[in-house]
All heavy atoms as atom14 arrays in JSON, in Angstrom:
{
  "sequence": "SACLAAAFTGVSAAMITGRGAGVDDDTFGIKVTVVGEALTRHQPDP",
  "atom14_mask": [
    [1, 1, 1, 1, 1, 1, 0, 0, 0, 0, 0, 0, 0, 0],
    [1, 1, 1, 1, 1, 0, 0, 0, 0, 0, 0, 0, 0, 0],
    [1, 1, 1, 1, 1, 1, 0, 0, 0, 0, 0, 0, 0, 0],
    [1, 1, 1, 1, 1, 1, 1, 1, 0, 0, 0, 0, 0, 0],
    [1, 1, 1, 1, 1, 0, 0, 0, 0, 0, 0, 0, 0, 0],
    [1, 1, 1, 1, 1, 0, 0, 0, 0, 0, 0, 0, 0, 0],
    [1, 1, 1, 1, 1, 0, 0, 0, 0, 0, 0, 0, 0, 0],
    [1, 1, 1, 1, 1, 1, 1, 1, 1, 1, 1, 0, 0, 0],
    [1, 1, 1, 1, 1, 1, 1, 0, 0, 0, 0, 0, 0, 0],
    [1, 1, 1, 1, 0, 0, 0, 0, 0, 0, 0, 0, 0, 0],
    [1, 1, 1, 1, 1, 1, 1, 0, 0, 0, 0, 0, 0, 0],
    [1, 1, 1, 1, 1, 1, 0, 0, 0, 0, 0, 0, 0, 0],
    [1, 1, 1, 1, 1, 0, 0, 0, 0, 0, 0, 0, 0, 0],
    [1, 1, 1, 1, 1, 0, 0, 0, 0, 0, 0, 0, 0, 0],
    [1, 1, 1, 1, 1, 1, 1, 1, 0, 0, 0, 0, 0, 0],
    [1, 1, 1, 1, 1, 1, 1, 1, 0, 0, 0, 0, 0, 0],
    [1, 1, 1, 1, 1, 1, 1, 0, 0, 0, 0, 0, 0, 0],
    [1, 1, 1, 1, 0, 0, 0, 0, 0, 0, 0, 0, 0, 0],
    [1, 1, 1, 1, 1, 1, 1, 1, 1, 1, 1, 0, 0, 0],
    [1, 1, 1, 1, 0, 0, 0, 0, 0, 0, 0, 0, 0, 0],
    [1, 1, 1, 1, 1, 0, 0, 0, 0, 0, 0, 0, 0, 0],
    [1, 1, 1, 1, 0, 0, 0, 0, 0, 0, 0, 0, 0, 0],
    [1, 1, 1, 1, 1, 1, 1, 0, 0, 0, 0, 0, 0, 0],
    [1, 1, 1, 1, 1, 1, 1, 1, 0, 0, 0, 0, 0, 0],
    [1, 1, 1, 1, 1, 1, 1, 1, 0, 0, 0, 0, 0, 0],
    [1, 1, 1, 1, 1, 1, 1, 1, 0, 0, 0, 0, 0, 0],
    [1, 1, 1, 1, 1, 1, 1, 0, 0, 0, 0, 0, 0, 0],
    [1, 1, 1, 1, 1, 1, 1, 1, 1, 1, 1, 0, 0, 0],
    [1, 1, 1, 1, 0, 0, 0, 0, 0, 0, 0, 0, 0, 0],
    [1, 1, 1, 1, 1, 1, 1, 1, 0, 0, 0, 0, 0, 0],
    [1, 1, 1, 1, 1, 1, 1, 1, 1, 0, 0, 0, 0, 0],
    [1, 1, 1, 1, 1, 1, 1, 0, 0, 0, 0, 0, 0, 0],
    [1, 1, 1, 1, 1, 1, 1, 0, 0, 0, 0, 0, 0, 0],
    [1, 1, 1, 1, 1, 1, 1, 0, 0, 0, 0, 0, 0, 0],
    [1, 1, 1, 1, 1, 1, 1, 0, 0, 0, 0, 0, 0, 0],
    [1, 1, 1, 1, 0, 0, 0, 0, 0, 0, 0, 0, 0, 0],
    [1, 1, 1, 1, 1, 1, 1, 1, 1, 0, 0, 0, 0, 0],
    [1, 1, 1, 1, 1, 0, 0, 0, 0, 0, 0, 0, 0, 0],
    [1, 1, 1, 1, 1, 1, 1, 1, 0, 0, 0, 0, 0, 0],
    [1, 1, 1, 1, 1, 1, 1, 0, 0, 0, 0, 0, 0, 0],
    [1, 1, 1, 1, 1, 1, 1, 1, 1, 1, 1, 0, 0, 0],
    [1, 1, 1, 1, 1, 1, 1, 1, 1, 1, 0, 0, 0, 0],
    [1, 1, 1, 1, 1, 1, 1, 1, 1, 0, 0, 0, 0, 0],
    [1, 1, 1, 1, 1, 1, 1, 0, 0, 0, 0, 0, 0, 0],
    [1, 1, 1, 1, 1, 1, 1, 1, 0, 0, 0, 0, 0, 0],
    [1, 1, 1, 1, 1, 1, 1, 0, 0, 0, 0, 0, 0, 0]
  ],
  "atom14_positions": [
    [[95.22, 87.23, 90.07], [94.18, 88.21, 89.84], [94.53, 89.57, 90.48], [94.34, 90.62, 89.88], [92.83, 87.7, 90.38], [92.4, 86.57, 89.72], [0.0, 0.0, 0.0], [0.0, 0.0, 0.0], [0.0, 0.0, 0.0], [0.0, 0.0, 0.0], [0.0, 0.0, 0.0], [0.0, 0.0, 0.0], [0.0, 0.0, 0.0], [0.0, 0.0, 0.0]],
    [[94.99, 89.5, 91.74], [95.41, 90.73, 92.41], [96.55, 91.42, 91.68], [96.58, 92.65, 91.54], [95.79, 90.42, 93.85], [0.0, 0.0, 0.0], [0.0, 0.0, 0.0], [0.0, 0.0, 0.0], [0.0, 0.0, 0.0], [0.0, 0.0, 0.0], [0.0, 0.0, 0.0], [0.0, 0.0, 0.0], [0.0, 0.0, 0.0], [0.0, 0.0, 0.0]],
    [[97.49, 90.62, 91.17], [98.6, 91.19, 90.42], [98.13, 91.9, 89.15], [98.57, 93.01, 88.83], [99.62, 90.1, 90.06], [100.51, 89.4, 91.45], [0.0, 0.0, 0.0], [0.0, 0.0, 0.0], [0.0, 0.0, 0.0], [0.0, 0.0, 0.0], [0.0, 0.0, 0.0], [0.0, 0.0, 0.0], [0.0, 0.0, 0.0], [0.0, 0.0, 0.0]],
    [[97.23, 91.24, 88.42], [96.71, 91.85, 87.2], [95.94, 93.12, 87.51], [96.13, 94.15, 86.83], [95.81, 90.86, 86.47], [96.48, 89.67, 85.82], [95.44, 88.68, 85.34], [97.35, 90.12, 84.64], [0.0, 0.0, 0.0], [0.0, 0.0, 0.0], [0.0, 0.0, 0.0], [0.0, 0.0, 0.0], [0.0, 0.0, 0.0], [0.0, 0.0, 0.0]],
    [[95.09, 93.08, 88.53], [94.33, 94.26, 88.87], [95.23, 95.42, 89.26], [95.02, 96.57, 88.87], [93.36, 93.95, 90.02], [0.0, 0.0, 0.0], [0.0, 0.0, 0.0], [0.0, 0.0, 0.0], [0.0, 0.0, 0.0], [0.0, 0.0, 0.0], [0.0, 0.0, 0.0], [0.0, 0.0, 0.0], [0.0, 0.0, 0.0], [0.0, 0.0, 0.0]],
    [[96.27, 95.14, 90.07], [97.19, 96.17, 90.45], [97.93, 96.77, 89.25], [98.11, 97.99, 89.15], [98.2, 95.63, 91.46], [0.0, 0.0, 0.0], [0.0, 0.0, 0.0], [0.0, 0.0, 0.0], [0.0, 0.0, 0.0], [0.0, 0.0, 0.0], [0.0, 0.0, 0.0], [0.0, 0.0, 0.0], [0.0, 0.0, 0.0], [0.0, 0.0, 0.0]],
    [[98.32, 95.9, 88.31], [99.06, 96.36, 87.15], [98.24, 97.3, 86.3], [98.75, 98.31, 85.77], [99.49, 95.16, 86.32], [0.0, 0.0, 0.0], [0.0, 0.0, 0.0], [0.0, 0.0, 0.0], [0.0, 0.0, 0.0], [0.0, 0.0, 0.0], [0.0, 0.0, 0.0], [0.0, 0.0, 0.0], [0.0, 0.0, 0.0], [0.0, 0.0, 0.0]],
    [[96.94, 97.01, 86.15], [96.13, 97.82, 85.26], [95.42, 98.99, 85.93], [95.07, 99.96, 85.26], [95.08, 96.95, 84.55], [95.65, 96.06, 83.49], [95.8, 94.67, 83.71], [96.09, 96.54, 82.28], [96.35, 93.84, 82.77], [96.64, 95.73, 81.29], [96.78, 94.38, 81.55], [0.0, 0.0, 0.0], [0.0, 0.0, 0.0], [0.0, 0.0, 0.0]],
    [[95.24, 98.92, 87.22], [94.51, 100.0, 87.91], [95.44, 100.91, 88.71], [95.05, 102.03, 89.08], [93.46, 99.43, 88.89], [94.11, 98.78, 89.98], [92.54, 98.44, 88.18], [0.0, 0.0, 0.0], [0.0, 0.0, 0.0], [0.0, 0.0, 0.0], [0.0, 0.0, 0.0], [0.0, 0.0, 0.0], [0.0, 0.0, 0.0], [0.0, 0.0, 0.0]],
    [[96.64, 100.42, 89.05], [97.57, 101.21, 89.86], [97.3, 101.17, 91.35], [98.0, 101.82, 92.12], [0.0, 0.0, 0.0], [0.0, 0.0, 0.0], [0.0, 0.0, 0.0], [0.0, 0.0, 0.0], [0.0, 0.0, 0.0], [0.0, 0.0, 0.0], [0.0, 0.0, 0.0], [0.0, 0.0, 0.0], [0.0, 0.0, 0.0], [0.0, 0.0, 0.0]],
    [[96.33, 100.36, 91.78], [96.06, 100.19, 93.22], [97.15, 99.36, 93.84], [97.66, 98.4, 93.23], [94.67, 99.57, 93.42], [94.39, 99.39, 94.91], [93.59, 100.43, 92.79], [0.0, 0.0, 0.0], [0.0, 0.0, 0.0], [0.0, 0.0, 0.0], [0.0, 0.0, 0.0], [0.0, 0.0, 0.0], [0.0, 0.0, 0.0], [0.0, 0.0, 0.0]],
    [[97.54, 99.66, 95.08], [98.67, 99.0, 95.72], [98.33, 97.54, 96.07], [97.18, 97.15, 96.18], [99.07, 99.71, 97.01], [98.02, 99.57, 97.97], [0.0, 0.0, 0.0], [0.0, 0.0, 0.0], [0.0, 0.0, 0.0], [0.0, 0.0, 0.0], [0.0, 0.0, 0.0], [0.0, 0.0, 0.0], [0.0, 0.0, 0.0], [0.0, 0.0, 0.0]],
    [[99.39, 96.75, 96.25], [99.22, 95.34, 96.63], [98.42, 95.23, 97.91], [97.57, 94.34, 98.05], [100.58, 94.69, 96.8], [0.0, 0.0, 0.0], [0.0, 0.0, 0.0], [0.0, 0.0, 0.0], [0.0, 0.0, 0.0], [0.0, 0.0, 0.0], [0.0, 0.0, 0.0], [0.0, 0.0, 0.0], [0.0, 0.0, 0.0], [0.0, 0.0, 0.0]],
    [[98.67, 96.07, 98.89], [97.97, 96.01, 100.17], [96.48, 96.25, 100.03], [95.66, 95.66, 100.76], [98.6, 96.99, 101.15], [0.0, 0.0, 0.0], [0.0, 0.0, 0.0], [0.0, 0.0, 0.0], [0.0, 0.0, 0.0], [0.0, 0.0, 0.0], [0.0, 0.0, 0.0], [0.0, 0.0, 0.0], [0.0, 0.0, 0.0], [0.0, 0.0, 0.0]],
    [[96.11, 97.11, 99.07], [94.7, 97.47, 98.92], [93.96, 96.57, 97.95], [92.75, 96.43, 98.02], [94.6, 98.92, 98.43], [95.13, 99.95, 99.41], [94.19, 99.95, 100.98], [92.6, 100.52, 100.41], [0.0, 0.0, 0.0], [0.0, 0.0, 0.0], [0.0, 0.0, 0.0], [0.0, 0.0, 0.0], [0.0, 0.0, 0.0], [0.0, 0.0, 0.0]],
    [[94.68, 95.95, 97.05], [94.04, 95.16, 95.96], [93.89, 93.68, 96.3], [93.09, 92.97, 95.7], [94.84, 95.31, 94.67], [93.94, 95.14, 93.42], [96.02, 94.36, 94.58], [93.19, 96.36, 93.05], [0.0, 0.0, 0.0], [0.0, 0.0, 0.0], [0.0, 0.0, 0.0], [0.0, 0.0, 0.0], [0.0, 0.0, 0.0], [0.0, 0.0, 0.0]],
    [[94.7, 93.21, 97.26], [94.7, 91.78, 97.57], [93.58, 91.39, 98.52], [93.39, 92.04, 99.53], [96.06, 91.38, 98.17], [97.11, 91.82, 97.31], [96.17, 89.87, 98.34], [0.0, 0.0, 0.0], [0.0, 0.0, 0.0], [0.0, 0.0, 0.0], [0.0, 0.0, 0.0], [0.0, 0.0, 0.0], [0.0, 0.0, 0.0], [0.0, 0.0, 0.0]],
    [[92.87, 90.35, 98.17], [91.77, 89.88, 98.99], [92.1, 88.54, 99.65], [93.15, 87.96, 99.45], [0.0, 0.0, 0.0], [0.0, 0.0, 0.0], [0.0, 0.0, 0.0], [0.0, 0.0, 0.0], [0.0, 0.0, 0.0], [0.0, 0.0, 0.0], [0.0, 0.0, 0.0], [0.0, 0.0, 0.0], [0.0, 0.0, 0.0], [0.0, 0.0, 0.0]],
    [[91.11, 88.02, 100.39], [91.32, 86.77, 101.11], [90.9, 85.53, 100.32], [91.0, 84.42, 100.86], [90.57, 86.84, 102.44], [91.19, 87.82, 103.41], [90.49, 87.85, 104.76], [91.13, 88.81, 105.65], [92.08, 88.51, 106.55], [92.48, 87.26, 106.66], [92.6, 89.44, 107.33], [0.0, 0.0, 0.0], [0.0, 0.0, 0.0], [0.0, 0.0, 0.0]],
    [[90.49, 85.71, 99.09], [90.17, 84.53, 98.27], [89.17, 83.62, 98.94], [88.06, 84.01, 99.25], [0.0, 0.0, 0.0], [0.0, 0.0, 0.0], [0.0, 0.0, 0.0], [0.0, 0.0, 0.0], [0.0, 0.0, 0.0], [0.0, 0.0, 0.0], [0.0, 0.0, 0.0], [0.0, 0.0, 0.0], [0.0, 0.0, 0.0], [0.0, 0.0, 0.0]],
    [[89.58, 82.38, 99.15], [88.69, 81.39, 99.77], [88.61, 81.53, 101.26], [88.26, 80.58, 101.97], [89.13, 79.98, 99.38], [0.0, 0.0, 0.0], [0.0, 0.0, 0.0], [0.0, 0.0, 0.0], [0.0, 0.0, 0.0], [0.0, 0.0, 0.0], [0.0, 0.0, 0.0], [0.0, 0.0, 0.0], [0.0, 0.0, 0.0], [0.0, 0.0, 0.0]],
    [[88.94, 82.69, 101.8], [88.81, 82.95, 103.24], [90.03, 82.56, 104.05], [89.91, 81.93, 105.08], [0.0, 0.0, 0.0], [0.0, 0.0, 0.0], [0.0, 0.0, 0.0], [0.0, 0.0, 0.0], [0.0, 0.0, 0.0], [0.0, 0.0, 0.0], [0.0, 0.0, 0.0], [0.0, 0.0, 0.0], [0.0, 0.0, 0.0], [0.0, 0.0, 0.0]],
    [[91.22, 82.96, 103.57], [92.47, 82.57, 104.26], [92.58, 83.31, 105.59], [91.99, 84.38, 105.82], [93.69, 82.89, 103.39], [93.63, 82.09, 102.08], [93.82, 84.37, 103.1], [0.0, 0.0, 0.0], [0.0, 0.0, 0.0], [0.0, 0.0, 0.0], [0.0, 0.0, 0.0], [0.0, 0.0, 0.0], [0.0, 0.0, 0.0], [0.0, 0.0, 0.0]],
    [[93.39, 82.73, 106.47], [93.6, 83.34, 107.81], [94.58, 84.51, 107.69], [95.12, 84.8, 106.6], [94.08, 82.31, 108.83], [95.41, 81.67, 108.45], [96.2, 82.26, 107.67], [95.68, 80.55, 108.94], [0.0, 0.0, 0.0], [0.0, 0.0, 0.0], [0.0, 0.0, 0.0], [0.0, 0.0, 0.0], [0.0, 0.0, 0.0], [0.0, 0.0, 0.0]],
    [[94.78, 85.2, 108.79], [95.62, 86.43, 108.74], [97.04, 86.14, 108.32], [97.64, 86.93, 107.54], [95.62, 87.1, 110.13], [94.28, 87.73, 110.49], [93.42, 87.89, 109.57], [94.06, 88.08, 111.67], [0.0, 0.0, 0.0], [0.0, 0.0, 0.0], [0.0, 0.0, 0.0], [0.0, 0.0, 0.0], [0.0, 0.0, 0.0], [0.0, 0.0, 0.0]],
    [[97.62, 85.06, 108.8], [99.01, 84.78, 108.43], [99.13, 84.52, 106.93], [100.04, 85.02, 106.27], [99.52, 83.54, 109.22], [99.72, 83.85, 110.69], [99.8, 85.05, 111.05], [99.81, 82.87, 111.45], [0.0, 0.0, 0.0], [0.0, 0.0, 0.0], [0.0, 0.0, 0.0], [0.0, 0.0, 0.0], [0.0, 0.0, 0.0], [0.0, 0.0, 0.0]],
    [[98.23, 83.71, 106.4], [98.28, 83.42, 104.96], [97.98, 84.66, 104.15], [98.6, 84.9, 103.1], [97.26, 82.31, 104.6], [97.5, 81.17, 105.44], [97.37, 81.9, 103.15], [0.0, 0.0, 0.0], [0.0, 0.0, 0.0], [0.0, 0.0, 0.0], [0.0, 0.0, 0.0], [0.0, 0.0, 0.0], [0.0, 0.0, 0.0], [0.0, 0.0, 0.0]],
    [[97.08, 85.49, 104.64], [96.79, 86.74, 103.93], [98.01, 87.62, 103.9], [98.29, 88.24, 102.86], [95.62, 87.46, 104.62], [95.28, 88.77, 104.01], [94.8, 88.84, 102.72], [95.43, 89.97, 104.73], [94.47, 90.07, 102.14], [95.12, 91.18, 104.17], [94.62, 91.23, 102.87], [0.0, 0.0, 0.0], [0.0, 0.0, 0.0], [0.0, 0.0, 0.0]],
    [[98.75, 87.67, 104.97], [100.0, 88.47, 105.01], [101.0, 87.97, 103.95], [101.64, 88.76, 103.27], [0.0, 0.0, 0.0], [0.0, 0.0, 0.0], [0.0, 0.0, 0.0], [0.0, 0.0, 0.0], [0.0, 0.0, 0.0], [0.0, 0.0, 0.0], [0.0, 0.0, 0.0], [0.0, 0.0, 0.0], [0.0, 0.0, 0.0], [0.0, 0.0, 0.0]],
    [[101.13, 86.64, 103.84], [102.01, 86.05, 102.8], [101.54, 86.48, 101.42], [102.34, 86.85, 100.55], [102.02, 84.53, 102.94], [102.7, 84.09, 104.23], [102.73, 83.88, 101.73], [102.54, 82.62, 104.53], [0.0, 0.0, 0.0], [0.0, 0.0, 0.0], [0.0, 0.0, 0.0], [0.0, 0.0, 0.0], [0.0, 0.0, 0.0], [0.0, 0.0, 0.0]],
    [[100.24, 86.41, 101.23], [99.68, 86.73, 99.92], [99.96, 88.17, 99.52], [100.38, 88.46, 98.38], [98.18, 86.46, 99.98], [97.45, 86.47, 98.66], [96.01, 86.02, 98.87], [95.22, 86.05, 97.59], [93.82, 85.63, 97.83], [0.0, 0.0, 0.0], [0.0, 0.0, 0.0], [0.0, 0.0, 0.0], [0.0, 0.0, 0.0], [0.0, 0.0, 0.0]],
    [[99.75, 89.11, 100.43], [100.04, 90.51, 100.14], [101.53, 90.71, 99.8], [101.88, 91.42, 98.88], [99.61, 91.41, 101.32], [100.09, 92.85, 101.12], [98.13, 91.36, 101.55], [0.0, 0.0, 0.0], [0.0, 0.0, 0.0], [0.0, 0.0, 0.0], [0.0, 0.0, 0.0], [0.0, 0.0, 0.0], [0.0, 0.0, 0.0], [0.0, 0.0, 0.0]],
    [[102.37, 90.05, 100.57], [103.81, 90.13, 100.32], [104.17, 89.62, 98.96], [104.95, 90.25, 98.19], [104.59, 89.38, 101.39], [104.33, 89.97, 102.67], [106.08, 89.39, 101.12], [0.0, 0.0, 0.0], [0.0, 0.0, 0.0], [0.0, 0.0, 0.0], [0.0, 0.0, 0.0], [0.0, 0.0, 0.0], [0.0, 0.0, 0.0], [0.0, 0.0, 0.0]],
    [[103.61, 88.46, 98.58], [103.89, 87.88, 97.27], [103.43, 88.77, 96.15], [104.17, 88.94, 95.16], [103.25, 86.47, 97.19], [103.25, 85.95, 95.76], [103.96, 85.5, 98.1], [0.0, 0.0, 0.0], [0.0, 0.0, 0.0], [0.0, 0.0, 0.0], [0.0, 0.0, 0.0], [0.0, 0.0, 0.0], [0.0, 0.0, 0.0], [0.0, 0.0, 0.0]],
    [[102.26, 89.35, 96.26], [101.76, 90.22, 95.22], [102.69, 91.44, 95.09], [103.06, 91.83, 93.98], [100.3, 90.68, 95.52], [99.87, 91.79, 94.55], [99.36, 89.51, 95.45], [0.0, 0.0, 0.0], [0.0, 0.0, 0.0], [0.0, 0.0, 0.0], [0.0, 0.0, 0.0], [0.0, 0.0, 0.0], [0.0, 0.0, 0.0], [0.0, 0.0, 0.0]],
    [[103.09, 92.0, 96.22], [104.02, 93.14, 96.18], [105.34, 92.77, 95.56], [105.91, 93.53, 94.75], [0.0, 0.0, 0.0], [0.0, 0.0, 0.0], [0.0, 0.0, 0.0], [0.0, 0.0, 0.0], [0.0, 0.0, 0.0], [0.0, 0.0, 0.0], [0.0, 0.0, 0.0], [0.0, 0.0, 0.0], [0.0, 0.0, 0.0], [0.0, 0.0, 0.0]],
    [[105.87, 91.59, 95.9], [107.14, 91.14, 95.32], [107.05, 90.99, 93.8], [107.94, 91.37, 93.05], [107.57, 89.8, 95.95], [108.02, 89.93, 97.39], [108.34, 88.56, 97.99], [108.18, 87.53, 97.29], [108.77, 88.54, 99.15], [0.0, 0.0, 0.0], [0.0, 0.0, 0.0], [0.0, 0.0, 0.0], [0.0, 0.0, 0.0], [0.0, 0.0, 0.0]],
    [[105.93, 90.41, 93.36], [105.75, 90.19, 91.93], [105.7, 91.52, 91.17], [106.28, 91.68, 90.1], [104.48, 89.39, 91.68], [0.0, 0.0, 0.0], [0.0, 0.0, 0.0], [0.0, 0.0, 0.0], [0.0, 0.0, 0.0], [0.0, 0.0, 0.0], [0.0, 0.0, 0.0], [0.0, 0.0, 0.0], [0.0, 0.0, 0.0], [0.0, 0.0, 0.0]],
    [[104.98, 92.47, 91.72], [104.86, 93.79, 91.07], [106.21, 94.49, 91.04], [106.56, 95.12, 90.03], [103.83, 94.64, 91.78], [102.39, 94.12, 91.74], [101.49, 94.93, 92.66], [101.85, 94.14, 90.29], [0.0, 0.0, 0.0], [0.0, 0.0, 0.0], [0.0, 0.0, 0.0], [0.0, 0.0, 0.0], [0.0, 0.0, 0.0], [0.0, 0.0, 0.0]],
    [[106.98, 94.35, 92.11], [108.31, 94.98, 92.13], [109.25, 94.3, 91.15], [110.01, 94.96, 90.44], [108.89, 94.9, 93.56], [108.02, 95.62, 94.44], [110.3, 95.48, 93.6], [0.0, 0.0, 0.0], [0.0, 0.0, 0.0], [0.0, 0.0, 0.0], [0.0, 0.0, 0.0], [0.0, 0.0, 0.0], [0.0, 0.0, 0.0], [0.0, 0.0, 0.0]],
    [[109.19, 93.01, 91.08], [110.08, 92.25, 90.2], [109.79, 92.55, 88.73], [110.72, 92.79, 87.94], [109.95, 90.73, 90.42], [110.69, 89.87, 89.42], [110.53, 88.39, 89.69], [111.24, 88.01, 90.88], [112.5, 87.66, 90.93], [113.24, 87.69, 89.82], [113.09, 87.29, 92.07], [0.0, 0.0, 0.0], [0.0, 0.0, 0.0], [0.0, 0.0, 0.0]],
    [[108.52, 92.55, 88.37], [108.2, 92.62, 86.93], [107.93, 94.03, 86.43], [108.05, 94.29, 85.24], [106.94, 91.77, 86.64], [107.15, 90.31, 86.89], [107.97, 89.52, 86.14], [106.65, 89.49, 87.88], [107.96, 88.28, 86.6], [107.19, 88.25, 87.68], [0.0, 0.0, 0.0], [0.0, 0.0, 0.0], [0.0, 0.0, 0.0], [0.0, 0.0, 0.0]],
    [[107.55, 94.95, 87.37], [107.2, 96.32, 86.93], [106.31, 96.27, 85.68], [106.62, 96.83, 84.63], [108.48, 97.12, 86.62], [109.37, 97.36, 87.79], [108.75, 98.31, 88.83], [108.28, 99.4, 88.47], [108.72, 97.9, 90.08], [0.0, 0.0, 0.0], [0.0, 0.0, 0.0], [0.0, 0.0, 0.0], [0.0, 0.0, 0.0], [0.0, 0.0, 0.0]],
    [[105.16, 95.59, 85.78], [104.32, 95.35, 84.58], [103.82, 96.65, 83.97], [103.41, 97.58, 84.67], [103.17, 94.53, 85.11], [103.16, 94.74, 86.58], [104.55, 94.98, 86.98], [0.0, 0.0, 0.0], [0.0, 0.0, 0.0], [0.0, 0.0, 0.0], [0.0, 0.0, 0.0], [0.0, 0.0, 0.0], [0.0, 0.0, 0.0], [0.0, 0.0, 0.0]],
    [[103.91, 96.72, 82.64], [103.53, 97.91, 81.88], [102.14, 97.71, 81.3], [101.94, 96.87, 80.4], [104.52, 98.11, 80.75], [104.16, 99.25, 79.82], [103.21, 100.01, 80.15], [104.79, 99.38, 78.76], [0.0, 0.0, 0.0], [0.0, 0.0, 0.0], [0.0, 0.0, 0.0], [0.0, 0.0, 0.0], [0.0, 0.0, 0.0], [0.0, 0.0, 0.0]],
    [[101.12, 98.42, 81.79], [99.75, 98.23, 81.27], [99.62, 98.54, 79.78], [98.65, 98.12, 79.15], [98.91, 99.18, 82.11], [99.86, 100.17, 82.68], [101.17, 99.44, 82.84], [0.0, 0.0, 0.0], [0.0, 0.0, 0.0], [0.0, 0.0, 0.0], [0.0, 0.0, 0.0], [0.0, 0.0, 0.0], [0.0, 0.0, 0.0], [0.0, 0.0, 0.0]]
  ]
}
């Protein structure tokens, strides 16, 4: 969901990614990194 929102709105991974079901800080950091990696890898075209 964060990846899709970033692709269509242009908001950065750090700003668009949320904690979902209430993940802790370490897991949240992983999540932000993964979203950023996916956006960099795919360069999705809206």
